[in-house]
Amino acid sequence: MSDMQQLEFFAIPSPCIGICQSGPRGYCKGCFRSREERLHWLQIDDQTKRLVVKACNRRKQAWMRKKAEPKVQNKLGEQQDLF
Protein backbone atom coordinates (compact mmCIF):
# COMPACT_ATOMS: atom_id res chain seq x y z
CA MET A 1 0.00 0.00 0.00
CA SER A 2 1.43 3.38 -0.96
CA ASP A 3 1.66 6.37 1.37
CA MET A 4 -1.14 8.10 -0.55
CA GLN A 5 -3.64 5.29 0.01
CA GLN A 6 -5.62 5.18 3.21
CA LEU A 7 -7.10 2.09 4.79
CA GLU A 8 -10.88 2.26 4.44
CA PHE A 9 -13.07 0.64 7.08
CA PHE A 10 -16.39 1.77 5.60
CA ALA A 11 -17.59 1.70 2.03
CA ILE A 12 -17.93 5.11 0.40
CA PRO A 13 -21.65 5.52 -0.34
CA SER A 14 -22.93 6.66 -3.69
CA PRO A 15 -23.79 10.38 -3.71
CA CYS A 16 -27.02 9.57 -5.62
CA ILE A 17 -30.12 11.25 -4.17
CA GLY A 18 -32.57 9.67 -6.60
CA ILE A 19 -33.15 12.55 -9.03
CA CYS A 20 -31.14 10.97 -11.89
CA GLN A 21 -31.65 13.56 -14.65
CA SER A 22 -28.85 14.88 -16.82
CA GLY A 23 -28.33 18.61 -17.10
CA PRO A 24 -27.12 20.48 -20.20
CA ARG A 25 -23.46 19.69 -19.46
CA GLY A 26 -24.11 15.98 -18.90
CA TYR A 27 -23.91 16.01 -15.12
CA CYS A 28 -26.69 14.54 -13.02
CA LYS A 29 -28.96 17.26 -11.60
CA GLY A 30 -29.14 15.39 -8.28
CA CYS A 31 -25.62 14.18 -7.46
CA PHE A 32 -23.56 16.14 -10.04
CA ARG A 33 -21.74 13.04 -11.32
CA SER A 34 -20.93 12.59 -15.00
CA ARG A 35 -22.47 9.74 -16.95
CA GLU A 36 -19.19 7.79 -16.77
CA GLU A 37 -18.90 8.35 -13.02
CA ARG A 38 -22.45 7.04 -12.53
CA LEU A 39 -21.98 4.03 -14.80
CA HIS A 40 -18.71 2.88 -13.23
CA TRP A 41 -19.37 3.74 -9.56
CA LEU A 42 -19.46 0.11 -8.42
CA GLN A 43 -16.22 -0.75 -10.23
CA ILE A 44 -13.99 2.14 -9.14
CA ASP A 45 -11.75 2.00 -6.07
CA ASP A 46 -12.39 3.98 -2.89
CA GLN A 47 -9.67 6.54 -3.58
CA THR A 48 -11.26 7.37 -6.93
CA LYS A 49 -14.71 7.47 -5.31
CA ARG A 50 -13.41 10.07 -2.84
CA LEU A 51 -12.13 12.16 -5.76
CA VAL A 52 -15.48 11.87 -7.54
CA VAL A 53 -17.38 12.96 -4.41
CA LYS A 54 -15.07 15.99 -4.03
CA ALA A 55 -15.58 16.87 -7.71
CA CYS A 56 -19.36 16.57 -7.25
CA ASN A 57 -19.21 18.95 -4.28
CA ARG A 58 -17.23 21.48 -6.36
CA ARG A 59 -19.70 21.18 -9.23
CA LYS A 60 -22.64 21.69 -6.88
CA GLN A 61 -21.04 24.77 -5.31
CA ALA A 62 -20.33 26.26 -8.75
CA TRP A 63 -23.94 25.58 -9.80
CA MET A 64 -25.27 27.21 -6.63
CA ARG A 65 -23.08 30.30 -7.17
CA LYS A 66 -24.21 30.58 -10.79
CA LYS A 67 -27.85 30.13 -9.78
CA ALA A 68 -27.53 32.95 -7.21
CA GLU A 69 -25.93 35.47 -9.62
CA PRO A 70 -29.13 36.72 -11.32
CA LYS A 71 -30.71 37.43 -7.94
CA VAL A 72 -27.83 39.74 -7.03
CA GLN A 73 -28.00 41.49 -10.41
CA ASN A 74 -31.77 41.96 -10.12
CA LYS A 75 -31.39 43.58 -6.72
CA LEU A 76 -28.78 45.96 -8.09
CA GLY A 77 -31.11 46.84 -10.97
CA GLU A 78 -33.87 47.83 -8.54
CA GLN A 79 -31.72 50.50 -6.92
CA GLN A 80 -33.04 54.03 -7.44
CA ASP A 81 -31.01 56.86 -8.87
CA LEU A 82 -29.73 59.38 -6.32
CA PHE A 83 -29.79 62.35 -8.72
PDB file of N, CA and C in Angstrom:
ATOM      1  N   MET A   1       0.857  -1.182   0.000  1.00  0.00           N
ATOM      2  CA  MET A   1       0.000   0.000   0.000  1.00  0.00           C
ATOM      3  C   MET A   1       0.898   1.238   0.000  1.00  0.00           C
ATOM      4  N   SER A   2       0.613   2.171  -0.880  1.00  0.00           N
ATOM      5  CA  SER A   2       1.430   3.379  -0.959  1.00  0.00           C
ATOM      6  C   SER A   2       1.066   4.345   0.160  1.00  0.00           C
ATOM      7  N   ASP A   3       1.910   5.362   0.337  1.00  0.00           N
ATOM      8  CA  ASP A   3       1.664   6.371   1.374  1.00  0.00           C
ATOM      9  C   ASP A   3       0.394   7.170   1.094  1.00  0.00           C
ATOM     10  N   MET A   4       0.022   7.303  -0.186  1.00  0.00           N
ATOM     11  CA  MET A   4      -1.139   8.104  -0.551  1.00  0.00           C
ATOM     12  C   MET A   4      -2.459   7.376  -0.282  1.00  0.00           C
ATOM     13  N   GLN A   5      -2.416   6.047  -0.228  1.00  0.00           N
ATOM     14  CA  GLN A   5      -3.638   5.292   0.007  1.00  0.00           C
ATOM     15  C   GLN A   5      -3.927   5.228   1.494  1.00  0.00           C
ATOM     16  N   GLN A   6      -5.193   5.226   1.817  1.00  0.00           N
ATOM     17  CA  GLN A   6      -5.622   5.179   3.208  1.00  0.00           C
ATOM     18  C   GLN A   6      -6.477   3.937   3.388  1.00  0.00           C
ATOM     19  N   LEU A   7      -6.302   3.262   4.495  1.00  0.00           N
ATOM     20  CA  LEU A   7      -7.096   2.085   4.787  1.00  0.00           C
ATOM     21  C   LEU A   7      -8.533   2.506   5.048  1.00  0.00           C
ATOM     22  N   GLU A   8      -9.466   1.923   4.301  1.00  0.00           N
ATOM     23  CA  GLU A   8     -10.880   2.259   4.443  1.00  0.00           C
ATOM     24  C   GLU A   8     -11.584   1.179   5.246  1.00  0.00           C
ATOM     25  N   PHE A   9     -12.303   1.573   6.277  1.00  0.00           N
ATOM     26  CA  PHE A   9     -13.069   0.635   7.078  1.00  0.00           C
ATOM     27  C   PHE A   9     -14.535   0.605   6.652  1.00  0.00           C
ATOM     28  N   PHE A  10     -15.001   1.664   6.022  1.00  0.00           N
ATOM     29  CA  PHE A  10     -16.392   1.766   5.599  1.00  0.00           C
ATOM     30  C   PHE A  10     -16.439   2.042   4.105  1.00  0.00           C
ATOM     31  N   ALA A  11     -17.411   1.457   3.456  1.00  0.00           N
ATOM     32  CA  ALA A  11     -17.593   1.704   2.027  1.00  0.00           C
ATOM     33  C   ALA A  11     -18.017   3.154   1.813  1.00  0.00           C
ATOM     34  N   ILE A  12     -17.548   3.737   0.731  1.00  0.00           N
ATOM     35  CA  ILE A  12     -17.932   5.106   0.401  1.00  0.00           C
ATOM     36  C   ILE A  12     -19.277   5.025  -0.314  1.00  0.00           C
ATOM     37  N   PRO A  13     -20.315   5.631   0.262  1.00  0.00           N
ATOM     38  CA  PRO A  13     -21.647   5.516  -0.343  1.00  0.00           C
ATOM     39  C   PRO A  13     -21.765   6.344  -1.619  1.00  0.00           C
ATOM     40  N   SER A  14     -22.640   5.915  -2.475  1.00  0.00           N
ATOM     41  CA  SER A  14     -22.934   6.657  -3.692  1.00  0.00           C
ATOM     42  C   SER A  14     -23.563   7.994  -3.312  1.00  0.00           C
ATOM     43  N   PRO A  15     -23.190   9.077  -4.000  1.00  0.00           N
ATOM     44  CA  PRO A  15     -23.794  10.381  -3.706  1.00  0.00           C
ATOM     45  C   PRO A  15     -25.190  10.545  -4.319  1.00  0.00           C
ATOM     46  N   CYS A  16     -25.708   9.502  -4.961  1.00  0.00           N
ATOM     47  CA  CYS A  16     -27.020   9.568  -5.617  1.00  0.00           C
ATOM     48  C   CYS A  16     -28.111   9.932  -4.612  1.00  0.00           C
ATOM     49  N   ILE A  17     -28.978  10.884  -5.018  1.00  0.00           N
ATOM     50  CA  ILE A  17     -30.119  11.251  -4.169  1.00  0.00           C
ATOM     51  C   ILE A  17     -31.446  10.929  -4.857  1.00  0.00           C
ATOM     52  N   GLY A  18     -31.369  10.160  -5.950  1.00  0.00           N
ATOM     53  CA  GLY A  18     -32.571   9.667  -6.602  1.00  0.00           C
ATOM     54  C   GLY A  18     -33.218  10.579  -7.627  1.00  0.00           C
ATOM     55  N   ILE A  19     -32.571  11.667  -8.016  1.00  0.00           N
ATOM     56  CA  ILE A  19     -33.151  12.553  -9.032  1.00  0.00           C
ATOM     57  C   ILE A  19     -32.827  12.025 -10.433  1.00  0.00           C
ATOM     58  N   CYS A  20     -31.583  11.685 -10.688  1.00  0.00           N
ATOM     59  CA  CYS A  20     -31.144  10.969 -11.893  1.00  0.00           C
ATOM     60  C   CYS A  20     -31.632  11.583 -13.204  1.00  0.00           C
ATOM     61  N   GLN A  21     -31.367  12.868 -13.393  1.00  0.00           N
ATOM     62  CA  GLN A  21     -31.652  13.560 -14.649  1.00  0.00           C
ATOM     63  C   GLN A  21     -30.393  14.295 -15.066  1.00  0.00           C
ATOM     64  N   SER A  22     -30.046  14.205 -16.337  1.00  0.00           N
ATOM     65  CA  SER A  22     -28.848  14.883 -16.822  1.00  0.00           C
ATOM     66  C   SER A  22     -29.147  16.332 -17.155  1.00  0.00           C
ATOM     67  N   GLY A  23     -28.230  17.202 -16.759  1.00  0.00           N
ATOM     68  CA  GLY A  23     -28.328  18.610 -17.095  1.00  0.00           C
ATOM     69  C   GLY A  23     -27.706  18.871 -18.451  1.00  0.00           C
ATOM     70  N   PRO A  24     -27.637  20.131 -18.873  1.00  0.00           N
ATOM     71  CA  PRO A  24     -27.119  20.479 -20.199  1.00  0.00           C
ATOM     72  C   PRO A  24     -25.645  20.126 -20.398  1.00  0.00           C
ATOM     73  N   ARG A  25     -24.881  20.028 -19.330  1.00  0.00           N
ATOM     74  CA  ARG A  25     -23.459  19.691 -19.455  1.00  0.00           C
ATOM     75  C   ARG A  25     -23.201  18.199 -19.234  1.00  0.00           C
ATOM     76  N   GLY A  26     -24.264  17.425 -19.052  1.00  0.00           N
ATOM     77  CA  GLY A  26     -24.111  15.983 -18.903  1.00  0.00           C
ATOM     78  C   GLY A  26     -23.983  15.495 -17.476  1.00  0.00           C
ATOM     79  N   TYR A  27     -23.994  16.407 -16.522  1.00  0.00           N
ATOM     80  CA  TYR A  27     -23.907  16.011 -15.119  1.00  0.00           C
ATOM     81  C   TYR A  27     -25.309  15.776 -14.569  1.00  0.00           C
ATOM     82  N   CYS A  28     -25.414  14.826 -13.657  1.00  0.00           N
ATOM     83  CA  CYS A  28     -26.694  14.538 -13.020  1.00  0.00           C
ATOM     84  C   CYS A  28     -27.143  15.764 -12.226  1.00  0.00           C
ATOM     85  N   LYS A  29     -28.421  16.110 -12.325  1.00  0.00           N
ATOM     86  CA  LYS A  29     -28.959  17.262 -11.596  1.00  0.00           C
ATOM     87  C   LYS A  29     -29.072  16.996 -10.099  1.00  0.00           C
ATOM     88  N   GLY A  30     -29.024  15.730  -9.700  1.00  0.00           N
ATOM     89  CA  GLY A  30     -29.138  15.385  -8.283  1.00  0.00           C
ATOM     90  C   GLY A  30     -27.800  15.267  -7.586  1.00  0.00           C
ATOM     91  N   CYS A  31     -26.892  14.454  -8.151  1.00  0.00           N
ATOM     92  CA  CYS A  31     -25.622  14.182  -7.457  1.00  0.00           C
ATOM     93  C   CYS A  31     -24.423  14.848  -8.122  1.00  0.00           C
ATOM     94  N   PHE A  32     -24.606  15.412  -9.312  1.00  0.00           N
ATOM     95  CA  PHE A  32     -23.558  16.137 -10.045  1.00  0.00           C
ATOM     96  C   PHE A  32     -22.435  15.239 -10.556  1.00  0.00           C
ATOM     97  N   ARG A  33     -22.724  13.938 -10.712  1.00  0.00           N
ATOM     98  CA  ARG A  33     -21.741  13.038 -11.322  1.00  0.00           C
ATOM     99  C   ARG A  33     -21.937  13.028 -12.833  1.00  0.00           C
ATOM    100  N   SER A  34     -20.835  12.757 -13.552  1.00  0.00           N
ATOM    101  CA  SER A  34     -20.927  12.593 -14.999  1.00  0.00           C
ATOM    102  C   SER A  34     -21.538  11.228 -15.302  1.00  0.00           C
ATOM    103  N   ARG A  35     -21.902  11.024 -16.543  1.00  0.00           N
ATOM    104  CA  ARG A  35     -22.472   9.737 -16.947  1.00  0.00           C
ATOM    105  C   ARG A  35     -21.480   8.613 -16.660  1.00  0.00           C
ATOM    106  N   GLU A  36     -20.214   8.812 -17.006  1.00  0.00           N
ATOM    107  CA  GLU A  36     -19.186   7.793 -16.771  1.00  0.00           C
ATOM    108  C   GLU A  36     -19.018   7.502 -15.282  1.00  0.00           C
ATOM    109  N   GLU A  37     -19.039   8.538 -14.474  1.00  0.00           N
ATOM    110  CA  GLU A  37     -18.905   8.347 -13.018  1.00  0.00           C
ATOM    111  C   GLU A  37     -20.078   7.551 -12.463  1.00  0.00           C
ATOM    112  N   ARG A  38     -21.269   7.801 -12.982  1.00  0.00           N
ATOM    113  CA  ARG A  38     -22.449   7.039 -12.526  1.00  0.00           C
ATOM    114  C   ARG A  38     -22.375   5.592 -12.991  1.00  0.00           C
ATOM    115  N   LEU A  39     -22.014   5.377 -14.246  1.00  0.00           N
ATOM    116  CA  LEU A  39     -21.983   4.025 -14.802  1.00  0.00           C
ATOM    117  C   LEU A  39     -20.953   3.128 -14.126  1.00  0.00           C
ATOM    118  N   HIS A  40     -19.810   3.692 -13.750  1.00  0.00           N
ATOM    119  CA  HIS A  40     -18.706   2.876 -13.234  1.00  0.00           C
ATOM    120  C   HIS A  40     -18.537   2.953 -11.720  1.00  0.00           C
ATOM    121  N   TRP A  41     -19.506   3.535 -11.010  1.00  0.00           N
ATOM    122  CA  TRP A  41     -19.371   3.736  -9.562  1.00  0.00           C
ATOM    123  C   TRP A  41     -19.032   2.443  -8.821  1.00  0.00           C
ATOM    124  N   LEU A  42     -19.676   1.361  -9.145  1.00  0.00           N
ATOM    125  CA  LEU A  42     -19.464   0.106  -8.418  1.00  0.00           C
ATOM    126  C   LEU A  42     -18.120  -0.549  -8.743  1.00  0.00           C
ATOM    127  N   GLN A  43     -17.494  -0.155  -9.844  1.00  0.00           N
ATOM    128  CA  GLN A  43     -16.217  -0.750 -10.233  1.00  0.00           C
ATOM    129  C   GLN A  43     -14.995   0.054  -9.790  1.00  0.00           C
ATOM    130  N   ILE A  44     -15.167   1.323  -9.468  1.00  0.00           N
ATOM    131  CA  ILE A  44     -13.992   2.145  -9.140  1.00  0.00           C
ATOM    132  C   ILE A  44     -13.570   1.950  -7.683  1.00  0.00           C
ATOM    133  N   ASP A  45     -12.282   2.188  -7.423  1.00  0.00           N
ATOM    134  CA  ASP A  45     -11.747   2.003  -6.071  1.00  0.00           C
ATOM    135  C   ASP A  45     -12.145   3.170  -5.167  1.00  0.00           C
ATOM    136  N   ASP A  46     -11.961   2.979  -3.867  1.00  0.00           N
ATOM    137  CA  ASP A  46     -12.392   3.984  -2.886  1.00  0.00           C
ATOM    138  C   ASP A  46     -11.672   5.320  -3.042  1.00  0.00           C
ATOM    139  N   GLN A  47     -10.401   5.287  -3.397  1.00  0.00           N
ATOM    140  CA  GLN A  47      -9.673   6.544  -3.576  1.00  0.00           C
ATOM    141  C   GLN A  47     -10.293   7.354  -4.724  1.00  0.00           C
ATOM    142  N   THR A  48     -10.632   6.693  -5.805  1.00  0.00           N
ATOM    143  CA  THR A  48     -11.264   7.370  -6.934  1.00  0.00           C
ATOM    144  C   THR A  48     -12.658   7.851  -6.552  1.00  0.00           C
ATOM    145  N   LYS A  49     -13.385   7.053  -5.774  1.00  0.00           N
ATOM    146  CA  LYS A  49     -14.714   7.471  -5.312  1.00  0.00           C
ATOM    147  C   LYS A  49     -14.618   8.757  -4.497  1.00  0.00           C
ATOM    148  N   ARG A  50     -13.601   8.846  -3.634  1.00  0.00           N
ATOM    149  CA  ARG A  50     -13.411  10.070  -2.844  1.00  0.00           C
ATOM    150  C   ARG A  50     -13.192  11.263  -3.759  1.00  0.00           C
ATOM    151  N   LEU A  51     -12.388  11.078  -4.804  1.00  0.00           N
ATOM    152  CA  LEU A  51     -12.125  12.162  -5.757  1.00  0.00           C
ATOM    153  C   LEU A  51     -13.406  12.565  -6.493  1.00  0.00           C
ATOM    154  N   VAL A  52     -14.215  11.586  -6.855  1.00  0.00           N
ATOM    155  CA  VAL A  52     -15.477  11.865  -7.541  1.00  0.00           C
ATOM    156  C   VAL A  52     -16.408  12.656  -6.629  1.00  0.00           C
ATOM    157  N   VAL A  53     -16.508  12.254  -5.363  1.00  0.00           N
ATOM    158  CA  VAL A  53     -17.379  12.958  -4.411  1.00  0.00           C
ATOM    159  C   VAL A  53     -16.911  14.404  -4.236  1.00  0.00           C
ATOM    160  N   LYS A  54     -15.602  14.620  -4.148  1.00  0.00           N
ATOM    161  CA  LYS A  54     -15.074  15.986  -4.032  1.00  0.00           C
ATOM    162  C   LYS A  54     -15.400  16.799  -5.284  1.00  0.00           C
ATOM    163  N   ALA A  55     -15.255  16.177  -6.454  1.00  0.00           N
ATOM    164  CA  ALA A  55     -15.578  16.868  -7.705  1.00  0.00           C
ATOM    165  C   ALA A  55     -17.066  17.217  -7.753  1.00  0.00           C
ATOM    166  N   CYS A  56     -17.907  16.308  -7.284  1.00  0.00           N
ATOM    167  CA  CYS A  56     -19.356  16.568  -7.247  1.00  0.00           C
ATOM    168  C   CYS A  56     -19.667  17.756  -6.339  1.00  0.00           C
ATOM    169  N   ASN A  57     -18.999  17.825  -5.203  1.00  0.00           N
ATOM    170  CA  ASN A  57     -19.210  18.951  -4.282  1.00  0.00           C
ATOM    171  C   ASN A  57     -18.796  20.269  -4.927  1.00  0.00           C
ATOM    172  N   ARG A  58     -17.670  20.261  -5.656  1.00  0.00           N
ATOM    173  CA  ARG A  58     -17.229  21.478  -6.357  1.00  0.00           C
ATOM    174  C   ARG A  58     -18.234  21.874  -7.440  1.00  0.00           C
ATOM    175  N   ARG A  59     -18.718  20.894  -8.179  1.00  0.00           N
ATOM    176  CA  ARG A  59     -19.702  21.179  -9.230  1.00  0.00           C
ATOM    177  C   ARG A  59     -20.984  21.755  -8.637  1.00  0.00           C
ATOM    178  N   LYS A  60     -21.422  21.195  -7.523  1.00  0.00           N
ATOM    179  CA  LYS A  60     -22.644  21.686  -6.878  1.00  0.00           C
ATOM    180  C   LYS A  60     -22.455  23.119  -6.393  1.00  0.00           C
ATOM    181  N   GLN A  61     -21.309  23.418  -5.783  1.00  0.00           N
ATOM    182  CA  GLN A  61     -21.043  24.774  -5.306  1.00  0.00           C
ATOM    183  C   GLN A  61     -21.013  25.762  -6.467  1.00  0.00           C
ATOM    184  N   ALA A  62     -20.380  25.379  -7.574  1.00  0.00           N
ATOM    185  CA  ALA A  62     -20.329  26.257  -8.751  1.00  0.00           C
ATOM    186  C   ALA A  62     -21.734  26.491  -9.299  1.00  0.00           C
ATOM    187  N   TRP A  63     -22.556  25.449  -9.336  1.00  0.00           N
ATOM    188  CA  TRP A  63     -23.938  25.576  -9.805  1.00  0.00           C
ATOM    189  C   TRP A  63     -24.734  26.503  -8.891  1.00  0.00           C
ATOM    190  N   MET A  64     -24.541  26.366  -7.586  1.00  0.00           N
ATOM    191  CA  MET A  64     -25.267  27.211  -6.632  1.00  0.00           C
ATOM    192  C   MET A  64     -24.852  28.673  -6.767  1.00  0.00           C
ATOM    193  N   ARG A  65     -23.545  28.922  -6.971  1.00  0.00           N
ATOM    194  CA  ARG A  65     -23.078  30.302  -7.173  1.00  0.00           C
ATOM    195  C   ARG A  65     -23.681  30.891  -8.445  1.00  0.00           C
ATOM    196  N   LYS A  66     -23.664  30.101  -9.512  1.00  0.00           N
ATOM    197  CA  LYS A  66     -24.206  30.583 -10.786  1.00  0.00           C
ATOM    198  C   LYS A  66     -25.707  30.835 -10.673  1.00  0.00           C
ATOM    199  N   LYS A  67     -26.403  29.983  -9.972  1.00  0.00           N
ATOM    200  CA  LYS A  67     -27.848  30.131  -9.785  1.00  0.00           C
ATOM    201  C   LYS A  67     -28.167  31.396  -8.986  1.00  0.00           C
ATOM    202  N   ALA A  68     -27.297  31.782  -8.057  1.00  0.00           N
ATOM    203  CA  ALA A  68     -27.531  32.950  -7.206  1.00  0.00           C
ATOM    204  C   ALA A  68     -27.179  34.265  -7.907  1.00  0.00           C
ATOM    205  N   GLU A  69     -26.370  34.239  -8.950  1.00  0.00           N
ATOM    206  CA  GLU A  69     -25.929  35.469  -9.622  1.00  0.00           C
ATOM    207  C   GLU A  69     -27.072  36.353 -10.110  1.00  0.00           C
ATOM    208  N   PRO A  70     -28.058  35.835 -10.832  1.00  0.00           N
ATOM    209  CA  PRO A  70     -29.128  36.724 -11.322  1.00  0.00           C
ATOM    210  C   PRO A  70     -29.880  37.427 -10.197  1.00  0.00           C
ATOM    211  N   LYS A  71     -30.021  36.802  -9.061  1.00  0.00           N
ATOM    212  CA  LYS A  71     -30.712  37.429  -7.939  1.00  0.00           C
ATOM    213  C   LYS A  71     -29.962  38.669  -7.474  1.00  0.00           C
ATOM    214  N   VAL A  72     -28.639  38.593  -7.436  1.00  0.00           N
ATOM    215  CA  VAL A  72     -27.828  39.739  -7.034  1.00  0.00           C
ATOM    216  C   VAL A  72     -27.952  40.840  -8.075  1.00  0.00           C
ATOM    217  N   GLN A  73     -27.891  40.498  -9.348  1.00  0.00           N
ATOM    218  CA  GLN A  73     -27.997  41.490 -10.409  1.00  0.00           C
ATOM    219  C   GLN A  73     -29.369  42.149 -10.411  1.00  0.00           C
ATOM    220  N   ASN A  74     -30.421  41.381 -10.164  1.00  0.00           N
ATOM    221  CA  ASN A  74     -31.765  41.957 -10.120  1.00  0.00           C
ATOM    222  C   ASN A  74     -31.892  42.957  -8.984  1.00  0.00           C
ATOM    223  N   LYS A  75     -31.317  42.659  -7.849  1.00  0.00           N
ATOM    224  CA  LYS A  75     -31.394  43.582  -6.719  1.00  0.00           C
ATOM    225  C   LYS A  75     -30.647  44.873  -7.026  1.00  0.00           C
ATOM    226  N   LEU A  76     -29.522  44.765  -7.721  1.00  0.00           N
ATOM    227  CA  LEU A  76     -28.783  45.964  -8.091  1.00  0.00           C
ATOM    228  C   LEU A  76     -29.577  46.792  -9.097  1.00  0.00           C
ATOM    229  N   GLY A  77     -30.314  46.138  -9.974  1.00  0.00           N
ATOM    230  CA  GLY A  77     -31.113  46.838 -10.968  1.00  0.00           C
ATOM    231  C   GLY A  77     -32.283  47.589 -10.358  1.00  0.00           C
ATOM    232  N   GLU A  78     -32.737  47.196  -9.201  1.00  0.00           N
ATOM    233  CA  GLU A  78     -33.872  47.834  -8.539  1.00  0.00           C
ATOM    234  C   GLU A  78     -33.474  49.102  -7.782  1.00  0.00           C
ATOM    235  N   GLN A  79     -32.195  49.349  -7.670  1.00  0.00           N
ATOM    236  CA  GLN A  79     -31.723  50.503  -6.920  1.00  0.00           C
ATOM    237  C   GLN A  79     -32.135  51.800  -7.623  1.00  0.00           C
ATOM    238  N   GLN A  80     -32.597  52.768  -6.863  1.00  0.00           N
ATOM    239  CA  GLN A  80     -33.042  54.031  -7.441  1.00  0.00           C
ATOM    240  C   GLN A  80     -31.868  54.983  -7.619  1.00  0.00           C
ATOM    241  N   ASP A  81     -32.022  55.862  -8.580  1.00  0.00           N
ATOM    242  CA  ASP A  81     -31.010  56.861  -8.874  1.00  0.00           C
ATOM    243  C   ASP A  81     -31.016  57.929  -7.783  1.00  0.00           C
ATOM    244  N   LEU A  82     -29.839  58.366  -7.371  1.00  0.00           N
ATOM    245  CA  LEU A  82     -29.727  59.377  -6.319  1.00  0.00           C
ATOM    246  C   LEU A  82     -29.861  60.802  -6.858  1.00  0.00           C
ATOM    247  N   PHE A  83     -29.764  60.991  -8.164  1.00  0.00           N
ATOM    248  CA  PHE A  83     -29.787  62.346  -8.717  1.00  0.00           C
ATOM    249  C   PHE A  83     -30.989  62.609  -9.558  1.00  0.00           C
TER     250      PHE A  83
END
